[in-house]
Amino acid sequence: KWKMNKYLSDRTPLNRDTHDGRHPTCSQRQYQRSMPAASVVLVFYNEALSVVLRTAFTVLKESDPRLIHEILLYDDASTIDELKAAARAPQSPPTPRSVLHRSM
């Protein structure tokens, strides 16, 4: 079912330290300070919930807060019970600026 170590993924912190994998010339590049904010769309199907949430947290952690308007988590009709339960749970979104959508 999983092509990864889900047990380890579920125990890896959402706010883990990440490696900057950019090419050195990209990390040295100077960007405009007045760039528009963007919406980040994460589409997933039958993905481990820990992976989806960690990805959303990493986007927020590694991005300039002024550049992230929102994160849209779009579940494309997953059939995994863990994801169905998360979509039905009456709790707040996983991050302050995220919205979870689910197709039927």
PDB file of N, CA and C in Angstrom:
ATOM      1  N   LYS A   1       0.827  -1.198   0.000  1.00  0.00           N
ATOM      2  CA  LYS A   1       0.000   0.000   0.000  1.00  0.00           C
ATOM      3  C   LYS A   1       0.870   1.261   0.000  1.00  0.00           C
ATOM      4  N   TRP A   2       1.831   1.339   0.887  1.00  0.00           N
ATOM      5  CA  TRP A   2       2.711   2.511   0.952  1.00  0.00           C
ATOM      6  C   TRP A   2       4.049   2.165   0.319  1.00  0.00           C
ATOM      7  N   LYS A   3       4.592   3.077  -0.446  1.00  0.00           N
ATOM      8  CA  LYS A   3       5.915   2.901  -1.055  1.00  0.00           C
ATOM      9  C   LYS A   3       6.952   3.699  -0.276  1.00  0.00           C
ATOM     10  N   MET A   4       6.740   3.794   1.037  1.00  0.00           N
ATOM     11  CA  MET A   4       7.613   4.563   1.919  1.00  0.00           C
ATOM     12  C   MET A   4       7.458   3.998   3.330  1.00  0.00           C
ATOM     13  N   ASN A   5       8.257   4.486   4.244  1.00  0.00           N
ATOM     14  CA  ASN A   5       8.152   4.065   5.639  1.00  0.00           C
ATOM     15  C   ASN A   5       7.149   4.986   6.338  1.00  0.00           C
ATOM     16  N   LYS A   6       5.878   4.588   6.329  1.00  0.00           N
ATOM     17  CA  LYS A   6       4.827   5.415   6.913  1.00  0.00           C
ATOM     18  C   LYS A   6       5.001   5.556   8.421  1.00  0.00           C
ATOM     19  N   TYR A   7       5.437   4.502   9.073  1.00  0.00           N
ATOM     20  CA  TYR A   7       5.671   4.547  10.522  1.00  0.00           C
ATOM     21  C   TYR A   7       6.643   5.679  10.856  1.00  0.00           C
ATOM     22  N   LEU A   8       7.746   5.752  10.123  1.00  0.00           N
ATOM     23  CA  LEU A   8       8.738   6.804  10.355  1.00  0.00           C
ATOM     24  C   LEU A   8       8.189   8.169   9.942  1.00  0.00           C
ATOM     25  N   SER A   9       7.465   8.218   8.837  1.00  0.00           N
ATOM     26  CA  SER A   9       6.895   9.490   8.389  1.00  0.00           C
ATOM     27  C   SER A   9       5.939  10.062   9.430  1.00  0.00           C
ATOM     28  N   ASP A  10       5.116   9.208  10.021  1.00  0.00           N
ATOM     29  CA  ASP A  10       4.160   9.664  11.032  1.00  0.00           C
ATOM     30  C   ASP A  10       4.848  10.187  12.289  1.00  0.00           C
ATOM     31  N   ARG A  11       6.089   9.805  12.507  1.00  0.00           N
ATOM     32  CA  ARG A  11       6.823  10.231  13.702  1.00  0.00           C
ATOM     33  C   ARG A  11       7.822  11.346  13.433  1.00  0.00           C
ATOM     34  N   THR A  12       7.951  11.740  12.179  1.00  0.00           N
ATOM     35  CA  THR A  12       8.838  12.842  11.812  1.00  0.00           C
ATOM     36  C   THR A  12       8.113  14.153  12.090  1.00  0.00           C
ATOM     37  N   PRO A  13       8.752  15.077  12.808  1.00  0.00           N
ATOM     38  CA  PRO A  13       8.081  16.341  13.150  1.00  0.00           C
ATOM     39  C   PRO A  13       7.630  17.120  11.909  1.00  0.00           C
ATOM     40  N   LEU A  14       6.500  17.795  12.043  1.00  0.00           N
ATOM     41  CA  LEU A  14       6.004  18.620  10.933  1.00  0.00           C
ATOM     42  C   LEU A  14       6.950  19.774  10.640  1.00  0.00           C
ATOM     43  N   ASN A  15       7.603  20.283  11.649  1.00  0.00           N
ATOM     44  CA  ASN A  15       8.485  21.452  11.474  1.00  0.00           C
ATOM     45  C   ASN A  15       9.954  21.044  11.456  1.00  0.00           C
ATOM     46  N   ARG A  16      10.279  19.957  10.804  1.00  0.00           N
ATOM     47  CA  ARG A  16      11.652  19.461  10.766  1.00  0.00           C
ATOM     48  C   ARG A  16      12.566  20.417  10.008  1.00  0.00           C
ATOM     49  N   ASP A  17      13.853  20.307  10.257  1.00  0.00           N
ATOM     50  CA  ASP A  17      14.834  21.088   9.511  1.00  0.00           C
ATOM     51  C   ASP A  17      14.975  20.487   8.123  1.00  0.00           C
ATOM     52  N   THR A  18      15.068  21.343   7.128  1.00  0.00           N
ATOM     53  CA  THR A  18      15.201  20.878   5.749  1.00  0.00           C
ATOM     54  C   THR A  18      16.491  21.396   5.139  1.00  0.00           C
ATOM     55  N   HIS A  19      16.957  20.699   4.154  1.00  0.00           N
ATOM     56  CA  HIS A  19      18.175  21.054   3.429  1.00  0.00           C
ATOM     57  C   HIS A  19      17.807  21.959   2.262  1.00  0.00           C
ATOM     58  N   ASP A  20      18.548  23.032   2.067  1.00  0.00           N
ATOM     59  CA  ASP A  20      18.323  23.908   0.918  1.00  0.00           C
ATOM     60  C   ASP A  20      18.983  23.253  -0.289  1.00  0.00           C
ATOM     61  N   GLY A  21      18.190  22.641  -1.148  1.00  0.00           N
ATOM     62  CA  GLY A  21      18.722  21.898  -2.282  1.00  0.00           C
ATOM     63  C   GLY A  21      18.913  22.716  -3.545  1.00  0.00           C
ATOM     64  N   ARG A  22      18.776  24.035  -3.421  1.00  0.00           N
ATOM     65  CA  ARG A  22      18.936  24.870  -4.614  1.00  0.00           C
ATOM     66  C   ARG A  22      20.391  24.886  -5.087  1.00  0.00           C
ATOM     67  N   HIS A  23      20.573  25.109  -6.369  1.00  0.00           N
ATOM     68  CA  HIS A  23      21.904  25.311  -6.929  1.00  0.00           C
ATOM     69  C   HIS A  23      22.474  26.578  -6.288  1.00  0.00           C
ATOM     70  N   PRO A  24      23.767  26.631  -6.012  1.00  0.00           N
ATOM     71  CA  PRO A  24      24.352  27.816  -5.346  1.00  0.00           C
ATOM     72  C   PRO A  24      24.047  29.145  -6.027  1.00  0.00           C
ATOM     73  N   THR A  25      23.987  29.173  -7.345  1.00  0.00           N
ATOM     74  CA  THR A  25      23.686  30.446  -8.012  1.00  0.00           C
ATOM     75  C   THR A  25      22.241  30.880  -7.758  1.00  0.00           C
ATOM     76  N   CYS A  26      21.351  29.926  -7.539  1.00  0.00           N
ATOM     77  CA  CYS A  26      19.953  30.278  -7.245  1.00  0.00           C
ATOM     78  C   CYS A  26      19.825  30.838  -5.828  1.00  0.00           C
ATOM     79  N   SER A  27      20.559  30.268  -4.890  1.00  0.00           N
ATOM     80  CA  SER A  27      20.457  30.744  -3.508  1.00  0.00           C
ATOM     81  C   SER A  27      21.123  32.103  -3.324  1.00  0.00           C
ATOM     82  N   GLN A  28      21.994  32.497  -4.233  1.00  0.00           N
ATOM     83  CA  GLN A  28      22.665  33.792  -4.136  1.00  0.00           C
ATOM     84  C   GLN A  28      21.913  34.892  -4.897  1.00  0.00           C
ATOM     85  N   ARG A  29      20.934  34.513  -5.662  1.00  0.00           N
ATOM     86  CA  ARG A  29      20.187  35.474  -6.477  1.00  0.00           C
ATOM     87  C   ARG A  29      19.366  36.416  -5.598  1.00  0.00           C
ATOM     88  N   GLN A  30      19.322  37.673  -5.979  1.00  0.00           N
ATOM     89  CA  GLN A  30      18.546  38.684  -5.262  1.00  0.00           C
ATOM     90  C   GLN A  30      17.195  38.844  -5.957  1.00  0.00           C
ATOM     91  N   TYR A  31      16.123  38.739  -5.183  1.00  0.00           N
ATOM     92  CA  TYR A  31      14.777  38.851  -5.732  1.00  0.00           C
ATOM     93  C   TYR A  31      14.156  40.186  -5.340  1.00  0.00           C
ATOM     94  N   GLN A  32      13.171  40.615  -6.105  1.00  0.00           N
ATOM     95  CA  GLN A  32      12.475  41.860  -5.801  1.00  0.00           C
ATOM     96  C   GLN A  32      11.775  41.741  -4.448  1.00  0.00           C
ATOM     97  N   ARG A  33      11.712  42.818  -3.697  1.00  0.00           N
ATOM     98  CA  ARG A  33      11.043  42.797  -2.403  1.00  0.00           C
ATOM     99  C   ARG A  33       9.527  42.953  -2.548  1.00  0.00           C
ATOM    100  N   SER A  34       9.077  43.424  -3.690  1.00  0.00           N
ATOM    101  CA  SER A  34       7.647  43.691  -3.858  1.00  0.00           C
ATOM    102  C   SER A  34       6.967  42.664  -4.773  1.00  0.00           C
ATOM    103  N   MET A  35       7.220  41.403  -4.545  1.00  0.00           N
ATOM    104  CA  MET A  35       6.579  40.361  -5.347  1.00  0.00           C
ATOM    105  C   MET A  35       5.170  40.104  -4.809  1.00  0.00           C
ATOM    106  N   PRO A  36       4.238  39.727  -5.678  1.00  0.00           N
ATOM    107  CA  PRO A  36       2.868  39.468  -5.216  1.00  0.00           C
ATOM    108  C   PRO A  36       2.787  38.149  -4.434  1.00  0.00           C
ATOM    109  N   ALA A  37       1.831  38.072  -3.541  1.00  0.00           N
ATOM    110  CA  ALA A  37       1.597  36.837  -2.792  1.00  0.00           C
ATOM    111  C   ALA A  37       0.969  35.792  -3.714  1.00  0.00           C
ATOM    112  N   ALA A  38       1.237  34.528  -3.413  1.00  0.00           N
ATOM    113  CA  ALA A  38       0.741  33.440  -4.253  1.00  0.00           C
ATOM    114  C   ALA A  38      -0.032  32.425  -3.425  1.00  0.00           C
ATOM    115  N   SER A  39      -0.907  31.728  -4.083  1.00  0.00           N
ATOM    116  CA  SER A  39      -1.593  30.586  -3.483  1.00  0.00           C
ATOM    117  C   SER A  39      -0.832  29.337  -3.901  1.00  0.00           C
ATOM    118  N   VAL A  40      -0.532  28.472  -2.955  1.00  0.00           N
ATOM    119  CA  VAL A  40       0.147  27.212  -3.235  1.00  0.00           C
ATOM    120  C   VAL A  40      -0.915  26.122  -3.224  1.00  0.00           C
ATOM    121  N   VAL A  41      -0.973  25.337  -4.286  1.00  0.00           N
ATOM    122  CA  VAL A  41      -1.964  24.276  -4.394  1.00  0.00           C
ATOM    123  C   VAL A  41      -1.253  22.928  -4.297  1.00  0.00           C
ATOM    124  N   LEU A  42      -1.629  22.136  -3.294  1.00  0.00           N
ATOM    125  CA  LEU A  42      -1.084  20.788  -3.125  1.00  0.00           C
ATOM    126  C   LEU A  42      -2.199  19.796  -3.423  1.00  0.00           C
ATOM    127  N   VAL A  43      -2.083  19.103  -4.543  1.00  0.00           N
ATOM    128  CA  VAL A  43      -3.073  18.103  -4.928  1.00  0.00           C
ATOM    129  C   VAL A  43      -2.514  16.740  -4.547  1.00  0.00           C
ATOM    130  N   PHE A  44      -3.333  15.932  -3.874  1.00  0.00           N
ATOM    131  CA  PHE A  44      -2.855  14.608  -3.466  1.00  0.00           C
ATOM    132  C   PHE A  44      -3.958  13.580  -3.583  1.00  0.00           C
ATOM    133  N   TYR A  45      -3.531  12.347  -3.765  1.00  0.00           N
ATOM    134  CA  TYR A  45      -4.448  11.214  -3.858  1.00  0.00           C
ATOM    135  C   TYR A  45      -3.819  10.045  -3.118  1.00  0.00           C
ATOM    136  N   ASN A  46      -4.495   9.559  -2.094  1.00  0.00           N
ATOM    137  CA  ASN A  46      -4.030   8.422  -1.302  1.00  0.00           C
ATOM    138  C   ASN A  46      -2.597   8.605  -0.794  1.00  0.00           C
ATOM    139  N   GLU A  47      -2.305   9.775  -0.327  1.00  0.00           N
ATOM    140  CA  GLU A  47      -0.991  10.094   0.253  1.00  0.00           C
ATOM    141  C   GLU A  47      -1.114  10.033   1.767  1.00  0.00           C
ATOM    142  N   ALA A  48      -0.053   9.660   2.427  1.00  0.00           N
ATOM    143  CA  ALA A  48      -0.066   9.641   3.893  1.00  0.00           C
ATOM    144  C   ALA A  48      -0.323  11.057   4.411  1.00  0.00           C
ATOM    145  N   LEU A  49      -1.205  11.177   5.379  1.00  0.00           N
ATOM    146  CA  LEU A  49      -1.557  12.489   5.924  1.00  0.00           C
ATOM    147  C   LEU A  49      -0.327  13.202   6.473  1.00  0.00           C
ATOM    148  N   SER A  50       0.581  12.465   7.088  1.00  0.00           N
ATOM    149  CA  SER A  50       1.795  13.089   7.639  1.00  0.00           C
ATOM    150  C   SER A  50       2.618  13.757   6.542  1.00  0.00           C
ATOM    151  N   VAL A  51       2.654  13.180   5.363  1.00  0.00           N
ATOM    152  CA  VAL A  51       3.407  13.760   4.243  1.00  0.00           C
ATOM    153  C   VAL A  51       2.747  15.049   3.765  1.00  0.00           C
ATOM    154  N   VAL A  52       1.433  15.024   3.633  1.00  0.00           N
ATOM    155  CA  VAL A  52       0.692  16.206   3.179  1.00  0.00           C
ATOM    156  C   VAL A  52       0.871  17.363   4.162  1.00  0.00           C
ATOM    157  N   LEU A  53       0.699  17.079   5.442  1.00  0.00           N
ATOM    158  CA  LEU A  53       0.815  18.137   6.454  1.00  0.00           C
ATOM    159  C   LEU A  53       2.245  18.664   6.552  1.00  0.00           C
ATOM    160  N   ARG A  54       3.223  17.767   6.479  1.00  0.00           N
ATOM    161  CA  ARG A  54       4.623  18.203   6.560  1.00  0.00           C
ATOM    162  C   ARG A  54       4.979  19.078   5.364  1.00  0.00           C
ATOM    163  N   THR A  55       4.440  18.759   4.191  1.00  0.00           N
ATOM    164  CA  THR A  55       4.685  19.583   3.006  1.00  0.00           C
ATOM    165  C   THR A  55       4.113  20.985   3.196  1.00  0.00           C
ATOM    166  N   ALA A  56       2.882  21.078   3.705  1.00  0.00           N
ATOM    167  CA  ALA A  56       2.266  22.388   3.942  1.00  0.00           C
ATOM    168  C   ALA A  56       3.070  23.190   4.958  1.00  0.00           C
ATOM    169  N   PHE A  57       3.484  22.557   6.048  1.00  0.00           N
ATOM    170  CA  PHE A  57       4.276  23.257   7.056  1.00  0.00           C
ATOM    171  C   PHE A  57       5.621  23.706   6.496  1.00  0.00           C
ATOM    172  N   THR A  58       6.244  22.881   5.660  1.00  0.00           N
ATOM    173  CA  THR A  58       7.534  23.243   5.075  1.00  0.00           C
ATOM    174  C   THR A  58       7.397  24.443   4.140  1.00  0.00           C
ATOM    175  N   VAL A  59       6.326  24.479   3.356  1.00  0.00           N
ATOM    176  CA  VAL A  59       6.097  25.637   2.471  1.00  0.00           C
ATOM    177  C   VAL A  59       6.032  26.912   3.309  1.00  0.00           C
ATOM    178  N   LEU A  60       5.280  26.875   4.402  1.00  0.00           N
ATOM    179  CA  LEU A  60       5.167  28.061   5.258  1.00  0.00           C
ATOM    180  C   LEU A  60       6.487  28.405   5.945  1.00  0.00           C
ATOM    181  N   LYS A  61       7.178  27.392   6.402  1.00  0.00           N
ATOM    182  CA  LYS A  61       8.427  27.624   7.138  1.00  0.00           C
ATOM    183  C   LYS A  61       9.540  28.169   6.239  1.00  0.00           C
ATOM    184  N   GLU A  62       9.627  27.662   5.012  1.00  0.00           N
ATOM    185  CA  GLU A  62      10.742  28.001   4.131  1.00  0.00           C
ATOM    186  C   GLU A  62      10.456  29.186   3.200  1.00  0.00           C
ATOM    187  N   SER A  63       9.247  29.700   3.226  1.00  0.00           N
ATOM    188  CA  SER A  63       8.881  30.799   2.325  1.00  0.00           C
ATOM    189  C   SER A  63       8.754  32.111   3.090  1.00  0.00           C
ATOM    190  N   ASP A  64       8.990  33.189   2.399  1.00  0.00           N
ATOM    191  CA  ASP A  64       8.763  34.512   2.974  1.00  0.00           C
ATOM    192  C   ASP A  64       7.262  34.642   3.227  1.00  0.00           C
ATOM    193  N   PRO A  65       6.833  34.907   4.464  1.00  0.00           N
ATOM    194  CA  PRO A  65       5.406  34.966   4.780  1.00  0.00           C
ATOM    195  C   PRO A  65       4.616  35.943   3.911  1.00  0.00           C
ATOM    196  N   ARG A  66       5.267  36.986   3.438  1.00  0.00           N
ATOM    197  CA  ARG A  66       4.574  37.957   2.583  1.00  0.00           C
ATOM    198  C   ARG A  66       4.219  37.370   1.226  1.00  0.00           C
ATOM    199  N   LEU A  67       4.891  36.280   0.838  1.00  0.00           N
ATOM    200  CA  LEU A  67       4.684  35.716  -0.497  1.00  0.00           C
ATOM    201  C   LEU A  67       3.651  34.595  -0.531  1.00  0.00           C
ATOM    202  N   ILE A  68       3.213  34.129   0.628  1.00  0.00           N
ATOM    203  CA  ILE A  68       2.229  33.042   0.673  1.00  0.00           C
ATOM    204  C   ILE A  68       0.879  33.600   1.099  1.00  0.00           C
ATOM    205  N   HIS A  69      -0.051  33.634   0.170  1.00  0.00           N
ATOM    206  CA  HIS A  69      -1.414  34.085   0.480  1.00  0.00           C
ATOM    207  C   HIS A  69      -2.175  32.984   1.205  1.00  0.00           C
ATOM    208  N   GLU A  70      -2.078  31.755   0.677  1.00  0.00           N
ATOM    209  CA  GLU A  70      -2.772  30.619   1.264  1.00  0.00           C
ATOM    210  C   GLU A  70      -2.182  29.335   0.703  1.00  0.00           C
ATOM    211  N   ILE A  71      -2.490  28.241   1.371  1.00  0.00           N
ATOM    212  CA  ILE A  71      -2.140  26.916   0.874  1.00  0.00           C
ATOM    213  C   ILE A  71      -3.445  26.152   0.719  1.00  0.00           C
ATOM    214  N   LEU A  72      -3.713  25.690  -0.499  1.00  0.00           N
ATOM    215  CA  LEU A  72      -4.917  24.917  -0.770  1.00  0.00           C
ATOM    216  C   LEU A  72      -4.527  23.442  -0.831  1.00  0.00           C
ATOM    217  N   LEU A  73      -5.070  22.656   0.074  1.00  0.00           N
ATOM    218  CA  LEU A  73      -4.838  21.216   0.089  1.00  0.00           C
ATOM    219  C   LEU A  73      -6.033  20.579  -0.616  1.00  0.00           C
ATOM    220  N   TYR A  74      -5.787  19.926  -1.737  1.00  0.00           N
ATOM    221  CA  TYR A  74      -6.886  19.370  -2.523  1.00  0.00           C
ATOM    222  C   TYR A  74      -6.769  17.854  -2.573  1.00  0.00           C
ATOM    223  N   ASP A  75      -7.660  17.189  -1.863  1.00  0.00           N
ATOM    224  CA  ASP A  75      -7.713  15.736  -1.847  1.00  0.00           C
ATOM    225  C   ASP A  75      -8.552  15.287  -3.034  1.00  0.00           C
ATOM    226  N   ASP A  76      -7.928  14.615  -3.980  1.00  0.00           N
ATOM    227  CA  ASP A  76      -8.597  14.212  -5.205  1.00  0.00           C
ATOM    228  C   ASP A  76      -9.295  12.865  -5.037  1.00  0.00           C
ATOM    229  N   ALA A  77     -10.257  12.827  -4.094  1.00  0.00           N
ATOM    230  CA  ALA A  77     -11.092  11.646  -3.828  1.00  0.00           C
ATOM    231  C   ALA A  77     -10.292  10.441  -3.350  1.00  0.00           C
ATOM    232  N   SER A  78      -9.415  10.670  -2.398  1.00  0.00           N
ATOM    233  CA  SER A  78      -8.650   9.570  -1.824  1.00  0.00           C
ATOM    234  C   SER A  78      -9.585   8.529  -1.213  1.00  0.00           C
ATOM    235  N   THR A  79      -9.115   7.303  -1.181  1.00  0.00           N
ATOM    236  CA  THR A  79      -9.910   6.218  -0.617  1.00  0.00           C
ATOM    237  C   THR A  79      -9.354   5.718   0.713  1.00  0.00           C
ATOM    238  N   ILE A  80      -8.326   6.337   1.224  1.00  0.00           N
ATOM    239  CA  ILE A  80      -7.697   5.933   2.484  1.00  0.00           C
ATOM    240  C   ILE A  80      -8.511   6.493   3.655  1.00  0.00           C
ATOM    241  N   ASP A  81      -8.851   5.635   4.592  1.00  0.00           N
ATOM    242  CA  ASP A  81      -9.686   6.027   5.733  1.00  0.00           C
ATOM    243  C   ASP A  81      -9.101   7.198   6.519  1.00  0.00           C
ATOM    244  N   GLU A  82      -7.782   7.217   6.697  1.00  0.00           N
ATOM    245  CA  GLU A  82      -7.119   8.296   7.443  1.00  0.00           C
ATOM    246  C   GLU A  82      -7.419   9.656   6.820  1.00  0.00           C
ATOM    247  N   LEU A  83      -7.405   9.724   5.505  1.00  0.00           N
ATOM    248  CA  LEU A  83      -7.657  10.991   4.813  1.00  0.00           C
ATOM    249  C   LEU A  83      -9.133  11.359   4.838  1.00  0.00           C
ATOM    250  N   LYS A  84     -10.001  10.367   4.703  1.00  0.00           N
ATOM    251  CA  LYS A  84     -11.438  10.626   4.776  1.00  0.00           C
ATOM    252  C   LYS A  84     -11.810  11.191   6.145  1.00  0.00           C
ATOM    253  N   ALA A  85     -11.242  10.604   7.194  1.00  0.00           N
ATOM    254  CA  ALA A  85     -11.525  11.069   8.558  1.00  0.00           C
ATOM    255  C   ALA A  85     -11.014  12.485   8.762  1.00  0.00           C
ATOM    256  N   ALA A  86      -9.846  12.788   8.243  1.00  0.00           N
ATOM    257  CA  ALA A  86      -9.283  14.136   8.392  1.00  0.00           C
ATOM    258  C   ALA A  86     -10.149  15.170   7.687  1.00  0.00           C
ATOM    259  N   ALA A  87     -10.694  14.806   6.539  1.00  0.00           N
ATOM    260  CA  ALA A  87     -11.535  15.738   5.784  1.00  0.00           C
ATOM    261  C   ALA A  87     -12.864  15.994   6.492  1.00  0.00           C
ATOM    262  N   ARG A  88     -13.363  15.005   7.239  1.00  0.00           N
ATOM    263  CA  ARG A  88     -14.642  15.151   7.942  1.00  0.00           C
ATOM    264  C   ARG A  88     -14.495  15.767   9.325  1.00  0.00           C
ATOM    265  N   ALA A  89     -13.293  15.777   9.861  1.00  0.00           N
ATOM    266  CA  ALA A  89     -13.085  16.248  11.230  1.00  0.00           C
ATOM    267  C   ALA A  89     -13.438  17.730  11.349  1.00  0.00           C
ATOM    268  N   PRO A  90     -14.209  18.097  12.391  1.00  0.00           N
ATOM    269  CA  PRO A  90     -14.616  19.502  12.564  1.00  0.00           C
ATOM    270  C   PRO A  90     -13.548  20.322  13.270  1.00  0.00           C
ATOM    271  N   GLN A  91     -12.318  20.158  12.856  1.00  0.00           N
ATOM    272  CA  GLN A  91     -11.233  20.903  13.489  1.00  0.00           C
ATOM    273  C   GLN A  91     -10.737  21.993  12.546  1.00  0.00           C
ATOM    274  N   SER A  92      -9.874  22.829  13.054  1.00  0.00           N
ATOM    275  CA  SER A  92      -9.345  23.915  12.239  1.00  0.00           C
ATOM    276  C   SER A  92      -8.422  23.340  11.166  1.00  0.00           C
ATOM    277  N   PRO A  93      -8.153  24.116  10.104  1.00  0.00           N
ATOM    278  CA  PRO A  93      -7.239  23.640   9.062  1.00  0.00           C
ATOM    279  C   PRO A  93      -5.865  23.338   9.652  1.00  0.00           C
ATOM    280  N   PRO A  94      -5.053  22.538   8.946  1.00  0.00           N
ATOM    281  CA  PRO A  94      -3.749  22.154   9.468  1.00  0.00           C
ATOM    282  C   PRO A  94      -2.794  23.317   9.713  1.00  0.00           C
ATOM    283  N   THR A  95      -2.934  24.399   8.977  1.00  0.00           N
ATOM    284  CA  THR A  95      -2.109  25.579   9.191  1.00  0.00           C
ATOM    285  C   THR A  95      -3.029  26.799   9.143  1.00  0.00           C
ATOM    286  N   PRO A  96      -2.616  27.916   9.714  1.00  0.00           N
ATOM    287  CA  PRO A  96      -3.496  29.092   9.758  1.00  0.00           C
ATOM    288  C   PRO A  96      -3.972  29.589   8.397  1.00  0.00           C
ATOM    289  N   ARG A  97      -3.169  29.434   7.373  1.00  0.00           N
ATOM    290  CA  ARG A  97      -3.563  29.931   6.050  1.00  0.00           C
ATOM    291  C   ARG A  97      -3.804  28.809   5.058  1.00  0.00           C
ATOM    292  N   SER A  98      -4.399  27.723   5.527  1.00  0.00           N
ATOM    293  CA  SER A  98      -4.650  26.615   4.611  1.00  0.00           C
ATOM    294  C   SER A  98      -6.133  26.281   4.556  1.00  0.00           C
ATOM    295  N   VAL A  99      -6.521  25.710   3.435  1.00  0.00           N
ATOM    296  CA  VAL A  99      -7.903  25.303   3.221  1.00  0.00           C
ATOM    297  C   VAL A  99      -7.871  23.898   2.652  1.00  0.00           C
ATOM    298  N   LEU A 100      -8.672  22.995   3.202  1.00  0.00           N
ATOM    299  CA  LEU A 100      -8.727  21.622   2.706  1.00  0.00           C
ATOM    300  C   LEU A 100      -9.981  21.440   1.857  1.00  0.00           C
ATOM    301  N   HIS A 101      -9.805  20.981   0.625  1.00  0.00           N
ATOM    302  CA  HIS A 101     -10.909  20.686  -0.289  1.00  0.00           C
ATOM    303  C   HIS A 101     -10.863  19.191  -0.592  1.00  0.00           C
ATOM    304  N   ARG A 102     -12.015  18.617  -0.833  1.00  0.00           N
ATOM    305  CA  ARG A 102     -12.071  17.188  -1.163  1.00  0.00           C
ATOM    306  C   ARG A 102     -13.055  16.970  -2.289  1.00  0.00           C
ATOM    307  N   SER A 103     -12.608  16.309  -3.355  1.00  0.00           N
ATOM    308  CA  SER A 103     -13.543  15.978  -4.428  1.00  0.00           C
ATOM    309  C   SER A 103     -14.283  14.704  -4.060  1.00  0.00           C
ATOM    310  N   MET A 104     -15.459  14.554  -4.585  1.00  0.00           N
ATOM    311  CA  MET A 104     -16.309  13.404  -4.246  1.00  0.00           C
ATOM    312  C   MET A 104     -16.083  12.247  -5.185  1.00  0.00           C
TER     313      MET A 104
END
